[in-house]
Amino acid sequence: MTQINHHLTDALLMSYAAGTLPEAFNLVVASHISLCDECRARLGAFEAVGGGLLTEIGEAEVMADVEDVLARAEAIDSEIDMSGFQAEAGIFPRALQEYVGGDLSAVRWRPVGMGVKQAILKTSKSANVRLLYIPAGAQMPDHGHRGTELTLVLRGAFRDQDEHFARGDIEIATEADAHTPIADEGVACICLAATDAPLKFQGLVPRIVQKFVRI
């Protein structure tokens, strides 16, 4: 079983349950849920409480109900049918395979420099989502954010500051964060990343390339 140490926030799971996330974020959330038993159970609890109500009341007001539903779900796990989130054989979860048209071998990669490749997936215009291929040991350009970035590890791993992200882990970066992810040695890191605003690169070359690669 995959050991996942970095999870979705309650706010993201509530928004997913309520149907208020951009399509790009929905894909990342659904892919993570396919790999993460903990977040899948928490989502089931939120949906049992009532996703449509979560946008009208605060997070603190529903946590008691969520904990109660989680307790009942442990005893009667058939109450919440989450079978549609189970991962297919291969690297990509089912939701992602539907966007790609298959697993890793079906991806149409485009180089963006320094050995890094990407494949932008077609979604609504409110946010972008792409697959990233980062060579083993490679360092991504130092950057900040103008919005939110969700990054899900599908293969390999990377280190960011003092945190380590491996398969199934999700990193959530906001306008308050600036970072320089570095892929682990040994195997290329493949991630699914969604952003709702352009990144803020520190270096001149990344800023020049940015408009061409749509990051």
N, C-alpha and C. Protein backbone atom coordinates (compact mmCIF):
# COMPACT_ATOMS: atom_id res chain seq x y z
N MET A 1 0.84 -1.20 0.00
CA MET A 1 0.00 0.00 0.00
C MET A 1 0.88 1.25 0.00
N THR A 2 0.50 2.23 -0.78
CA THR A 2 1.24 3.48 -0.86
C THR A 2 1.13 4.25 0.45
N GLN A 3 2.29 4.68 0.99
CA GLN A 3 2.30 5.50 2.20
C GLN A 3 2.20 6.96 1.79
N ILE A 4 1.09 7.60 2.10
CA ILE A 4 0.86 9.00 1.72
C ILE A 4 0.95 9.86 2.97
N ASN A 5 1.79 10.89 2.88
CA ASN A 5 2.03 11.76 4.04
C ASN A 5 1.49 13.17 3.86
N HIS A 6 1.13 13.54 2.64
CA HIS A 6 0.65 14.90 2.37
C HIS A 6 -0.73 14.81 1.71
N HIS A 7 -1.73 15.41 2.37
CA HIS A 7 -3.12 15.20 1.98
C HIS A 7 -3.80 16.51 1.54
N LEU A 8 -5.00 16.36 1.02
CA LEU A 8 -5.85 17.50 0.68
C LEU A 8 -6.38 18.15 1.95
N THR A 9 -6.61 19.45 1.88
CA THR A 9 -7.21 20.15 3.02
C THR A 9 -8.71 19.89 3.06
N ASP A 10 -9.32 20.12 4.23
CA ASP A 10 -10.77 20.00 4.33
C ASP A 10 -11.46 20.99 3.39
N ALA A 11 -10.89 22.18 3.25
CA ALA A 11 -11.50 23.19 2.39
C ALA A 11 -11.57 22.71 0.94
N LEU A 12 -10.50 22.08 0.46
CA LEU A 12 -10.51 21.57 -0.92
C LEU A 12 -11.50 20.42 -1.08
N LEU A 13 -11.54 19.53 -0.09
CA LEU A 13 -12.48 18.42 -0.18
C LEU A 13 -13.93 18.91 -0.12
N MET A 14 -14.20 19.90 0.71
CA MET A 14 -15.55 20.48 0.77
C MET A 14 -15.93 21.10 -0.57
N SER A 15 -15.00 21.86 -1.16
CA SER A 15 -15.29 22.50 -2.44
C SER A 15 -15.50 21.46 -3.53
N TYR A 16 -14.73 20.38 -3.49
CA TYR A 16 -14.91 19.31 -4.46
C TYR A 16 -16.28 18.67 -4.29
N ALA A 17 -16.66 18.40 -3.04
CA ALA A 17 -17.97 17.81 -2.78
C ALA A 17 -19.10 18.73 -3.21
N ALA A 18 -18.88 20.04 -3.07
CA ALA A 18 -19.91 21.01 -3.43
C ALA A 18 -19.92 21.33 -4.91
N GLY A 19 -18.90 20.87 -5.66
CA GLY A 19 -18.84 21.10 -7.10
C GLY A 19 -18.43 22.50 -7.47
N THR A 20 -17.62 23.16 -6.64
CA THR A 20 -17.25 24.55 -6.91
C THR A 20 -15.80 24.72 -7.37
N LEU A 21 -15.05 23.63 -7.51
CA LEU A 21 -13.67 23.75 -7.97
C LEU A 21 -13.60 23.83 -9.49
N PRO A 22 -12.57 24.49 -10.03
CA PRO A 22 -12.35 24.44 -11.49
C PRO A 22 -12.10 23.01 -11.94
N GLU A 23 -12.37 22.74 -13.21
CA GLU A 23 -12.21 21.39 -13.73
C GLU A 23 -10.78 20.87 -13.53
N ALA A 24 -9.79 21.74 -13.73
CA ALA A 24 -8.40 21.32 -13.56
C ALA A 24 -8.12 20.85 -12.15
N PHE A 25 -8.62 21.58 -11.16
CA PHE A 25 -8.44 21.19 -9.77
C PHE A 25 -9.22 19.92 -9.47
N ASN A 26 -10.41 19.78 -10.04
CA ASN A 26 -11.20 18.57 -9.86
C ASN A 26 -10.41 17.33 -10.28
N LEU A 27 -9.68 17.44 -11.39
CA LEU A 27 -8.92 16.30 -11.88
C LEU A 27 -7.81 15.91 -10.91
N VAL A 28 -7.11 16.89 -10.37
CA VAL A 28 -6.04 16.59 -9.41
C VAL A 28 -6.62 15.99 -8.14
N VAL A 29 -7.71 16.57 -7.64
CA VAL A 29 -8.35 16.05 -6.42
C VAL A 29 -8.83 14.63 -6.64
N ALA A 30 -9.52 14.38 -7.75
CA ALA A 30 -10.03 13.03 -8.03
C ALA A 30 -8.90 12.02 -8.15
N SER A 31 -7.78 12.43 -8.76
CA SER A 31 -6.64 11.54 -8.92
C SER A 31 -6.01 11.21 -7.56
N HIS A 32 -5.89 12.22 -6.71
CA HIS A 32 -5.35 11.97 -5.37
C HIS A 32 -6.27 11.05 -4.57
N ILE A 33 -7.57 11.30 -4.65
CA ILE A 33 -8.54 10.49 -3.90
C ILE A 33 -8.45 9.02 -4.33
N SER A 34 -8.14 8.78 -5.60
CA SER A 34 -8.01 7.41 -6.08
C SER A 34 -6.87 6.68 -5.39
N LEU A 35 -5.87 7.44 -4.93
CA LEU A 35 -4.68 6.84 -4.33
C LEU A 35 -4.68 6.88 -2.82
N CYS A 36 -5.54 7.70 -2.22
CA CYS A 36 -5.46 8.00 -0.79
C CYS A 36 -6.71 7.54 -0.04
N ASP A 37 -6.58 6.51 0.77
CA ASP A 37 -7.71 6.01 1.54
C ASP A 37 -8.24 7.06 2.51
N GLU A 38 -7.32 7.80 3.14
CA GLU A 38 -7.74 8.78 4.14
C GLU A 38 -8.59 9.88 3.52
N CYS A 39 -8.14 10.47 2.42
CA CYS A 39 -8.90 11.55 1.80
C CYS A 39 -10.19 11.04 1.16
N ARG A 40 -10.16 9.78 0.69
CA ARG A 40 -11.38 9.19 0.12
C ARG A 40 -12.44 9.05 1.21
N ALA A 41 -12.04 8.64 2.40
CA ALA A 41 -12.99 8.52 3.51
C ALA A 41 -13.51 9.88 3.94
N ARG A 42 -12.61 10.87 4.00
CA ARG A 42 -13.04 12.21 4.41
C ARG A 42 -14.00 12.80 3.39
N LEU A 43 -13.74 12.58 2.10
CA LEU A 43 -14.65 13.06 1.07
C LEU A 43 -16.01 12.40 1.22
N GLY A 44 -16.02 11.09 1.46
CA GLY A 44 -17.29 10.39 1.66
C GLY A 44 -18.08 10.98 2.81
N ALA A 45 -17.38 11.38 3.86
CA ALA A 45 -18.05 11.98 5.01
C ALA A 45 -18.64 13.33 4.64
N PHE A 46 -17.88 14.14 3.91
CA PHE A 46 -18.40 15.44 3.50
C PHE A 46 -19.62 15.28 2.59
N GLU A 47 -19.56 14.32 1.69
CA GLU A 47 -20.69 14.11 0.78
C GLU A 47 -21.89 13.58 1.56
N ALA A 48 -21.66 12.79 2.57
CA ALA A 48 -22.76 12.31 3.39
C ALA A 48 -23.42 13.45 4.16
N VAL A 49 -22.60 14.39 4.64
CA VAL A 49 -23.15 15.57 5.32
C VAL A 49 -23.99 16.38 4.34
N GLY A 50 -23.54 16.46 3.10
CA GLY A 50 -24.28 17.21 2.09
C GLY A 50 -23.41 18.25 1.44
N GLY A 51 -22.80 17.90 0.27
CA GLY A 51 -21.88 18.81 -0.40
C GLY A 51 -22.48 20.15 -0.71
N GLY A 52 -23.76 20.17 -1.09
CA GLY A 52 -24.38 21.43 -1.44
C GLY A 52 -24.49 22.40 -0.29
N LEU A 53 -24.48 21.88 0.95
CA LEU A 53 -24.60 22.75 2.12
C LEU A 53 -23.25 23.31 2.55
N LEU A 54 -22.16 22.72 2.08
CA LEU A 54 -20.85 23.09 2.59
C LEU A 54 -20.43 24.49 2.17
N THR A 55 -21.01 25.01 1.11
CA THR A 55 -20.66 26.36 0.68
C THR A 55 -21.41 27.41 1.48
N GLU A 56 -22.39 27.00 2.26
CA GLU A 56 -23.23 27.95 2.99
C GLU A 56 -22.88 28.04 4.47
N ILE A 57 -22.09 27.08 4.96
CA ILE A 57 -21.74 27.09 6.38
C ILE A 57 -20.24 26.94 6.53
N GLY A 58 -19.71 27.33 7.66
CA GLY A 58 -18.28 27.29 7.89
C GLY A 58 -17.77 25.90 8.14
N GLU A 59 -16.44 25.72 7.94
CA GLU A 59 -15.81 24.41 8.12
C GLU A 59 -15.99 23.89 9.53
N ALA A 60 -15.83 24.75 10.54
CA ALA A 60 -15.91 24.31 11.92
C ALA A 60 -17.28 23.76 12.25
N GLU A 61 -18.34 24.28 11.62
CA GLU A 61 -19.71 23.88 11.95
C GLU A 61 -20.04 22.48 11.47
N VAL A 62 -19.29 21.98 10.47
CA VAL A 62 -19.62 20.65 9.96
C VAL A 62 -18.68 19.56 10.45
N MET A 63 -17.58 19.93 11.14
CA MET A 63 -16.60 18.93 11.50
C MET A 63 -17.16 17.87 12.45
N ALA A 64 -18.02 18.26 13.37
CA ALA A 64 -18.61 17.27 14.29
C ALA A 64 -19.44 16.26 13.52
N ASP A 65 -20.22 16.73 12.55
CA ASP A 65 -21.01 15.83 11.73
C ASP A 65 -20.11 14.92 10.90
N VAL A 66 -19.03 15.48 10.36
CA VAL A 66 -18.11 14.70 9.54
C VAL A 66 -17.48 13.59 10.38
N GLU A 67 -17.04 13.92 11.59
CA GLU A 67 -16.43 12.90 12.44
C GLU A 67 -17.43 11.80 12.78
N ASP A 68 -18.68 12.17 12.96
CA ASP A 68 -19.71 11.17 13.25
C ASP A 68 -19.91 10.25 12.05
N VAL A 69 -19.94 10.84 10.85
CA VAL A 69 -20.13 10.03 9.64
C VAL A 69 -18.94 9.11 9.43
N LEU A 70 -17.72 9.62 9.68
CA LEU A 70 -16.53 8.78 9.53
C LEU A 70 -16.58 7.58 10.49
N ALA A 71 -17.04 7.83 11.71
CA ALA A 71 -17.15 6.75 12.68
C ALA A 71 -18.14 5.70 12.22
N ARG A 72 -19.27 6.17 11.70
CA ARG A 72 -20.28 5.21 11.21
C ARG A 72 -19.80 4.49 9.97
N ALA A 73 -19.03 5.18 9.13
CA ALA A 73 -18.54 4.57 7.89
C ALA A 73 -17.57 3.44 8.17
N GLU A 74 -16.82 3.56 9.27
CA GLU A 74 -15.91 2.47 9.64
C GLU A 74 -16.68 1.21 9.98
N ALA A 75 -17.86 1.38 10.56
CA ALA A 75 -18.66 0.22 10.95
C ALA A 75 -19.48 -0.32 9.78
N ILE A 76 -19.91 0.62 8.91
CA ILE A 76 -20.76 0.20 7.78
C ILE A 76 -20.18 0.85 6.53
N ASP A 77 -19.09 0.29 6.01
CA ASP A 77 -18.40 0.95 4.92
C ASP A 77 -19.16 0.90 3.62
N SER A 78 -20.22 0.09 3.54
CA SER A 78 -21.01 0.03 2.31
C SER A 78 -21.94 1.22 2.15
N GLU A 79 -22.05 2.06 3.18
CA GLU A 79 -22.92 3.23 3.08
C GLU A 79 -22.40 4.23 2.06
N ILE A 80 -21.08 4.28 1.86
CA ILE A 80 -20.48 5.25 0.97
C ILE A 80 -19.79 4.51 -0.16
N ASP A 81 -20.34 4.64 -1.37
CA ASP A 81 -19.78 3.94 -2.53
C ASP A 81 -18.75 4.83 -3.21
N MET A 82 -17.47 4.52 -3.01
CA MET A 82 -16.40 5.30 -3.61
C MET A 82 -15.66 4.48 -4.67
N SER A 83 -16.30 3.47 -5.22
CA SER A 83 -15.62 2.58 -6.16
C SER A 83 -15.15 3.30 -7.41
N GLY A 84 -15.82 4.38 -7.78
CA GLY A 84 -15.43 5.11 -8.98
C GLY A 84 -14.10 5.81 -8.86
N PHE A 85 -13.56 5.88 -7.64
CA PHE A 85 -12.28 6.54 -7.43
C PHE A 85 -11.12 5.57 -7.37
N GLN A 86 -11.35 4.28 -7.49
CA GLN A 86 -10.26 3.33 -7.38
C GLN A 86 -9.33 3.45 -8.58
N ALA A 87 -8.03 3.28 -8.32
CA ALA A 87 -7.03 3.41 -9.38
C ALA A 87 -7.05 2.19 -10.29
N GLU A 88 -6.82 2.42 -11.58
CA GLU A 88 -6.65 1.33 -12.53
C GLU A 88 -5.21 0.83 -12.44
N ALA A 89 -4.96 -0.34 -13.04
CA ALA A 89 -3.60 -0.84 -13.11
C ALA A 89 -2.76 0.14 -13.93
N GLY A 90 -1.54 0.39 -13.48
CA GLY A 90 -0.68 1.33 -14.17
C GLY A 90 -0.35 2.50 -13.26
N ILE A 91 0.24 3.54 -13.83
CA ILE A 91 0.66 4.69 -13.05
C ILE A 91 -0.48 5.67 -12.82
N PHE A 92 -1.31 5.89 -13.84
CA PHE A 92 -2.34 6.92 -13.76
C PHE A 92 -3.64 6.39 -13.16
N PRO A 93 -4.27 7.14 -12.24
CA PRO A 93 -5.61 6.80 -11.77
C PRO A 93 -6.62 6.88 -12.90
N ARG A 94 -7.78 6.29 -12.68
CA ARG A 94 -8.80 6.20 -13.73
C ARG A 94 -9.21 7.57 -14.27
N ALA A 95 -9.41 8.54 -13.37
CA ALA A 95 -9.85 9.86 -13.82
C ALA A 95 -8.85 10.47 -14.78
N LEU A 96 -7.57 10.31 -14.49
CA LEU A 96 -6.52 10.87 -15.35
C LEU A 96 -6.41 10.11 -16.66
N GLN A 97 -6.57 8.80 -16.61
CA GLN A 97 -6.52 8.01 -17.84
C GLN A 97 -7.58 8.46 -18.84
N GLU A 98 -8.72 8.88 -18.33
CA GLU A 98 -9.79 9.34 -19.22
C GLU A 98 -9.40 10.62 -19.94
N TYR A 99 -8.61 11.48 -19.30
CA TYR A 99 -8.16 12.72 -19.94
C TYR A 99 -7.02 12.47 -20.91
N VAL A 100 -6.14 11.52 -20.56
CA VAL A 100 -4.97 11.24 -21.38
C VAL A 100 -5.31 10.33 -22.55
N GLY A 101 -6.29 9.46 -22.35
CA GLY A 101 -6.60 8.46 -23.36
C GLY A 101 -5.79 7.20 -23.17
N GLY A 102 -5.38 6.97 -21.92
CA GLY A 102 -4.57 5.79 -21.61
C GLY A 102 -3.65 6.07 -20.45
N ASP A 103 -2.62 5.25 -20.32
CA ASP A 103 -1.68 5.42 -19.22
C ASP A 103 -0.45 6.19 -19.71
N LEU A 104 0.66 6.03 -19.05
CA LEU A 104 1.85 6.83 -19.31
C LEU A 104 2.28 6.79 -20.77
N SER A 105 2.18 5.63 -21.41
CA SER A 105 2.63 5.49 -22.81
C SER A 105 1.79 6.32 -23.78
N ALA A 106 0.61 6.76 -23.36
CA ALA A 106 -0.28 7.54 -24.25
C ALA A 106 -0.02 9.04 -24.19
N VAL A 107 0.85 9.49 -23.27
CA VAL A 107 1.09 10.92 -23.10
C VAL A 107 1.89 11.47 -24.27
N ARG A 108 1.47 12.63 -24.77
CA ARG A 108 2.20 13.33 -25.84
C ARG A 108 3.01 14.46 -25.20
N TRP A 109 4.24 14.13 -24.86
CA TRP A 109 5.10 15.07 -24.17
C TRP A 109 5.65 16.14 -25.11
N ARG A 110 5.84 17.34 -24.56
CA ARG A 110 6.53 18.42 -25.27
C ARG A 110 7.65 18.95 -24.38
N PRO A 111 8.86 19.10 -24.92
CA PRO A 111 9.98 19.58 -24.10
C PRO A 111 9.80 21.06 -23.73
N VAL A 112 10.21 21.40 -22.51
CA VAL A 112 10.16 22.80 -22.06
C VAL A 112 11.53 23.30 -21.62
N GLY A 113 12.57 22.45 -21.76
CA GLY A 113 13.92 22.85 -21.43
C GLY A 113 14.51 22.09 -20.25
N MET A 114 15.84 21.91 -20.26
CA MET A 114 16.57 21.26 -19.18
C MET A 114 16.10 19.83 -18.94
N GLY A 115 15.60 19.19 -19.99
CA GLY A 115 15.14 17.82 -19.87
C GLY A 115 13.72 17.66 -19.35
N VAL A 116 13.12 18.76 -18.89
CA VAL A 116 11.75 18.73 -18.39
C VAL A 116 10.78 18.69 -19.56
N LYS A 117 9.73 17.89 -19.43
CA LYS A 117 8.69 17.80 -20.46
C LYS A 117 7.33 18.01 -19.81
N GLN A 118 6.37 18.44 -20.62
CA GLN A 118 5.02 18.62 -20.10
C GLN A 118 3.99 18.18 -21.14
N ALA A 119 2.79 17.93 -20.67
CA ALA A 119 1.64 17.66 -21.53
C ALA A 119 0.46 18.39 -20.92
N ILE A 120 -0.01 19.43 -21.59
CA ILE A 120 -1.14 20.21 -21.10
C ILE A 120 -2.43 19.47 -21.44
N LEU A 121 -3.28 19.27 -20.46
CA LEU A 121 -4.54 18.57 -20.66
C LEU A 121 -5.67 19.57 -20.88
N LYS A 122 -6.60 19.20 -21.71
CA LYS A 122 -7.69 20.11 -22.07
C LYS A 122 -8.75 20.14 -20.97
N THR A 123 -8.95 21.33 -20.40
CA THR A 123 -9.99 21.54 -19.39
C THR A 123 -10.59 22.92 -19.61
N SER A 124 -11.51 23.32 -18.74
CA SER A 124 -12.10 24.66 -18.82
C SER A 124 -11.02 25.71 -18.59
N LYS A 125 -11.28 26.95 -19.01
CA LYS A 125 -10.27 28.00 -19.01
C LYS A 125 -10.01 28.62 -17.63
N SER A 126 -10.78 28.28 -16.62
CA SER A 126 -10.61 28.91 -15.31
C SER A 126 -9.34 28.48 -14.59
N ALA A 127 -8.74 27.36 -15.02
CA ALA A 127 -7.48 26.88 -14.45
C ALA A 127 -6.85 25.93 -15.45
N ASN A 128 -5.54 25.72 -15.32
CA ASN A 128 -4.81 24.84 -16.21
C ASN A 128 -4.29 23.63 -15.46
N VAL A 129 -4.16 22.51 -16.17
CA VAL A 129 -3.60 21.31 -15.57
C VAL A 129 -2.69 20.65 -16.58
N ARG A 130 -1.55 20.14 -16.09
CA ARG A 130 -0.57 19.54 -16.98
C ARG A 130 0.13 18.38 -16.28
N LEU A 131 0.62 17.46 -17.09
CA LEU A 131 1.53 16.44 -16.60
C LEU A 131 2.94 16.96 -16.76
N LEU A 132 3.78 16.73 -15.76
CA LEU A 132 5.17 17.16 -15.80
C LEU A 132 6.09 15.96 -15.66
N TYR A 133 7.10 15.92 -16.52
CA TYR A 133 8.14 14.90 -16.45
C TYR A 133 9.43 15.61 -16.06
N ILE A 134 9.97 15.29 -14.88
CA ILE A 134 11.16 15.96 -14.36
C ILE A 134 12.26 14.91 -14.23
N PRO A 135 13.36 15.07 -14.96
CA PRO A 135 14.43 14.07 -14.89
C PRO A 135 14.93 13.87 -13.47
N ALA A 136 15.40 12.67 -13.18
CA ALA A 136 15.93 12.36 -11.85
C ALA A 136 17.04 13.35 -11.49
N GLY A 137 16.94 13.92 -10.30
CA GLY A 137 17.94 14.86 -9.82
C GLY A 137 17.81 16.27 -10.34
N ALA A 138 16.86 16.52 -11.23
CA ALA A 138 16.71 17.86 -11.82
C ALA A 138 16.03 18.82 -10.85
N GLN A 139 16.39 20.09 -10.96
CA GLN A 139 15.82 21.13 -10.11
C GLN A 139 14.91 22.01 -10.93
N MET A 140 13.70 22.23 -10.47
CA MET A 140 12.78 23.14 -11.14
C MET A 140 13.18 24.58 -10.84
N PRO A 141 12.89 25.52 -11.75
CA PRO A 141 13.24 26.93 -11.50
C PRO A 141 12.56 27.47 -10.24
N ASP A 142 13.28 28.31 -9.53
CA ASP A 142 12.74 28.97 -8.34
C ASP A 142 11.53 29.81 -8.75
N HIS A 143 10.41 29.63 -8.05
CA HIS A 143 9.21 30.37 -8.44
C HIS A 143 8.26 30.58 -7.27
N GLY A 144 7.42 31.59 -7.42
CA GLY A 144 6.32 31.84 -6.49
C GLY A 144 5.00 31.67 -7.22
N HIS A 145 3.92 32.17 -6.61
CA HIS A 145 2.60 31.92 -7.16
C HIS A 145 1.71 33.16 -7.10
N ARG A 146 0.90 33.30 -8.13
CA ARG A 146 -0.11 34.36 -8.14
C ARG A 146 -1.48 33.83 -7.72
N GLY A 147 -1.55 32.56 -7.48
CA GLY A 147 -2.79 31.91 -7.07
C GLY A 147 -2.46 30.63 -6.34
N THR A 148 -3.20 29.55 -6.65
CA THR A 148 -2.99 28.25 -6.00
C THR A 148 -2.45 27.24 -7.00
N GLU A 149 -1.53 26.41 -6.53
CA GLU A 149 -0.99 25.32 -7.34
C GLU A 149 -1.13 24.02 -6.56
N LEU A 150 -1.73 23.02 -7.19
CA LEU A 150 -1.83 21.68 -6.62
C LEU A 150 -0.93 20.76 -7.43
N THR A 151 -0.03 20.05 -6.77
CA THR A 151 0.89 19.15 -7.45
C THR A 151 0.79 17.76 -6.84
N LEU A 152 0.40 16.79 -7.64
CA LEU A 152 0.25 15.40 -7.21
C LEU A 152 1.36 14.56 -7.82
N VAL A 153 2.09 13.82 -6.99
CA VAL A 153 3.15 12.95 -7.48
C VAL A 153 2.54 11.62 -7.94
N LEU A 154 2.87 11.23 -9.18
CA LEU A 154 2.37 9.98 -9.74
C LEU A 154 3.45 8.91 -9.83
N ARG A 155 4.70 9.36 -10.01
CA ARG A 155 5.83 8.42 -10.03
C ARG A 155 7.07 9.16 -9.56
N GLY A 156 7.97 8.43 -8.89
CA GLY A 156 9.16 9.07 -8.38
C GLY A 156 8.84 9.92 -7.16
N ALA A 157 9.65 10.95 -6.95
CA ALA A 157 9.47 11.81 -5.78
C ALA A 157 10.26 13.09 -5.97
N PHE A 158 9.94 14.10 -5.16
CA PHE A 158 10.74 15.32 -5.15
C PHE A 158 10.81 15.87 -3.73
N ARG A 159 11.81 16.71 -3.52
CA ARG A 159 11.99 17.36 -2.23
C ARG A 159 11.79 18.86 -2.41
N ASP A 160 11.08 19.46 -1.46
CA ASP A 160 10.84 20.89 -1.49
C ASP A 160 11.03 21.43 -0.08
N GLN A 161 12.07 22.25 0.10
CA GLN A 161 12.44 22.71 1.44
C GLN A 161 12.73 21.49 2.31
N ASP A 162 12.05 21.36 3.43
CA ASP A 162 12.28 20.23 4.32
C ASP A 162 11.27 19.11 4.13
N GLU A 163 10.40 19.23 3.13
CA GLU A 163 9.35 18.24 2.91
C GLU A 163 9.70 17.33 1.73
N HIS A 164 9.26 16.07 1.84
CA HIS A 164 9.49 15.09 0.78
C HIS A 164 8.15 14.60 0.27
N PHE A 165 7.99 14.58 -1.06
CA PHE A 165 6.72 14.21 -1.68
C PHE A 165 6.95 13.02 -2.61
N ALA A 166 6.26 11.92 -2.33
CA ALA A 166 6.37 10.71 -3.13
C ALA A 166 5.00 10.37 -3.73
N ARG A 167 4.89 9.21 -4.36
CA ARG A 167 3.66 8.85 -5.07
C ARG A 167 2.44 8.99 -4.16
N GLY A 168 1.44 9.70 -4.66
CA GLY A 168 0.20 9.91 -3.94
C GLY A 168 0.19 11.18 -3.11
N ASP A 169 1.37 11.70 -2.76
CA ASP A 169 1.43 12.94 -1.98
C ASP A 169 1.01 14.13 -2.84
N ILE A 170 0.40 15.11 -2.19
CA ILE A 170 -0.02 16.32 -2.89
C ILE A 170 0.55 17.54 -2.19
N GLU A 171 1.15 18.42 -2.97
CA GLU A 171 1.68 19.68 -2.43
C GLU A 171 0.73 20.80 -2.81
N ILE A 172 0.38 21.64 -1.84
CA ILE A 172 -0.52 22.76 -2.05
C ILE A 172 0.28 24.04 -1.82
N ALA A 173 0.46 24.82 -2.88
CA ALA A 173 1.21 26.07 -2.79
C ALA A 173 0.27 27.24 -3.08
N THR A 174 0.47 28.34 -2.35
CA THR A 174 -0.36 29.52 -2.50
C THR A 174 0.52 30.74 -2.76
N GLU A 175 -0.10 31.92 -2.78
CA GLU A 175 0.64 33.15 -3.03
C GLU A 175 1.69 33.41 -1.97
N ALA A 176 1.56 32.79 -0.81
CA ALA A 176 2.54 32.99 0.26
C ALA A 176 3.78 32.13 0.09
N ASP A 177 3.78 31.22 -0.89
CA ASP A 177 4.87 30.25 -1.03
C ASP A 177 5.76 30.55 -2.22
N ALA A 178 7.06 30.40 -2.01
CA ALA A 178 8.06 30.39 -3.07
C ALA A 178 8.94 29.17 -2.83
N HIS A 179 9.26 28.43 -3.89
CA HIS A 179 9.98 27.19 -3.68
C HIS A 179 10.77 26.77 -4.92
N THR A 180 11.63 25.75 -4.71
CA THR A 180 12.47 25.20 -5.78
C THR A 180 12.47 23.68 -5.65
N PRO A 181 11.45 23.00 -6.18
CA PRO A 181 11.38 21.54 -6.07
C PRO A 181 12.55 20.86 -6.78
N ILE A 182 13.06 19.78 -6.18
CA ILE A 182 14.17 19.02 -6.75
C ILE A 182 13.77 17.55 -6.78
N ALA A 183 13.81 16.95 -7.97
CA ALA A 183 13.45 15.54 -8.12
C ALA A 183 14.50 14.65 -7.47
N ASP A 184 14.04 13.55 -6.88
CA ASP A 184 14.96 12.58 -6.29
C ASP A 184 15.83 11.94 -7.37
N GLU A 185 16.99 11.47 -6.95
CA GLU A 185 17.85 10.69 -7.84
C GLU A 185 17.22 9.32 -8.09
N GLY A 186 17.61 8.72 -9.19
CA GLY A 186 17.23 7.33 -9.44
C GLY A 186 16.16 7.13 -10.48
N VAL A 187 15.07 7.91 -10.41
CA VAL A 187 13.97 7.74 -11.36
C VAL A 187 13.34 9.09 -11.63
N ALA A 188 12.93 9.32 -12.87
CA ALA A 188 12.28 10.57 -13.23
C ALA A 188 10.99 10.73 -12.43
N CYS A 189 10.68 11.97 -12.06
CA CYS A 189 9.46 12.28 -11.30
C CYS A 189 8.37 12.73 -12.27
N ILE A 190 7.21 12.12 -12.16
CA ILE A 190 6.06 12.50 -12.98
C ILE A 190 4.97 13.02 -12.06
N CYS A 191 4.51 14.23 -12.35
CA CYS A 191 3.52 14.89 -11.50
C CYS A 191 2.34 15.38 -12.34
N LEU A 192 1.22 15.57 -11.67
CA LEU A 192 0.05 16.22 -12.24
C LEU A 192 -0.12 17.53 -11.49
N ALA A 193 -0.07 18.66 -12.20
CA ALA A 193 -0.08 19.97 -11.54
C ALA A 193 -1.16 20.87 -12.13
N ALA A 194 -1.92 21.50 -11.25
CA ALA A 194 -2.98 22.43 -11.66
C ALA A 194 -2.71 23.81 -11.07
N THR A 195 -2.92 24.85 -11.85
CA THR A 195 -2.75 26.23 -11.40
C THR A 195 -3.93 27.07 -11.87
N ASP A 196 -4.30 28.06 -11.05
CA ASP A 196 -5.37 28.97 -11.46
C ASP A 196 -4.84 30.36 -11.79
N ALA A 197 -3.50 30.50 -11.86
CA ALA A 197 -2.87 31.76 -12.24
C ALA A 197 -1.43 31.45 -12.65
N PRO A 198 -0.81 32.28 -13.48
CA PRO A 198 0.57 32.04 -13.89
C PRO A 198 1.53 32.04 -12.70
N LEU A 199 2.59 31.25 -12.81
CA LEU A 199 3.62 31.23 -11.78
C LEU A 199 4.47 32.50 -11.85
N LYS A 200 5.17 32.78 -10.77
CA LYS A 200 6.08 33.94 -10.72
C LYS A 200 7.52 33.43 -10.67
N PHE A 201 8.16 33.34 -11.84
CA PHE A 201 9.52 32.85 -11.90
C PHE A 201 10.50 33.96 -11.52
N GLN A 202 11.58 33.56 -10.84
CA GLN A 202 12.57 34.53 -10.39
C GLN A 202 13.63 34.79 -11.46
N GLY A 203 13.98 33.78 -12.23
CA GLY A 203 15.04 33.92 -13.23
C GLY A 203 14.55 34.51 -14.53
N LEU A 204 15.47 35.15 -15.26
CA LEU A 204 15.11 35.80 -16.52
C LEU A 204 14.71 34.80 -17.59
N VAL A 205 15.49 33.72 -17.75
CA VAL A 205 15.19 32.74 -18.80
C VAL A 205 13.83 32.08 -18.59
N PRO A 206 13.51 31.60 -17.38
CA PRO A 206 12.17 31.03 -17.18
C PRO A 206 11.06 32.02 -17.48
N ARG A 207 11.27 33.30 -17.17
CA ARG A 207 10.23 34.30 -17.44
C ARG A 207 10.04 34.48 -18.94
N ILE A 208 11.12 34.40 -19.71
CA ILE A 208 11.02 34.52 -21.17
C ILE A 208 10.29 33.32 -21.76
N VAL A 209 10.65 32.12 -21.25
CA VAL A 209 10.06 30.89 -21.78
C VAL A 209 8.61 30.73 -21.35
N GLN A 210 8.24 31.35 -20.26
CA GLN A 210 6.94 31.12 -19.63
C GLN A 210 5.76 31.28 -20.57
N LYS A 211 5.75 32.33 -21.36
CA LYS A 211 4.59 32.58 -22.22
C LYS A 211 4.45 31.54 -23.32
N PHE A 212 5.57 30.90 -23.68
CA PHE A 212 5.52 29.88 -24.73
C PHE A 212 5.06 28.53 -24.21
N VAL A 213 5.37 28.24 -22.94
CA VAL A 213 4.99 26.93 -22.38
C VAL A 213 3.73 27.02 -21.54
N ARG A 214 3.17 28.23 -21.37
CA ARG A 214 1.88 28.43 -20.74
C ARG A 214 1.84 27.97 -19.28
N ILE A 215 2.89 28.27 -18.55
CA ILE A 215 2.94 27.91 -17.12
C ILE A 215 2.59 29.12 -16.28
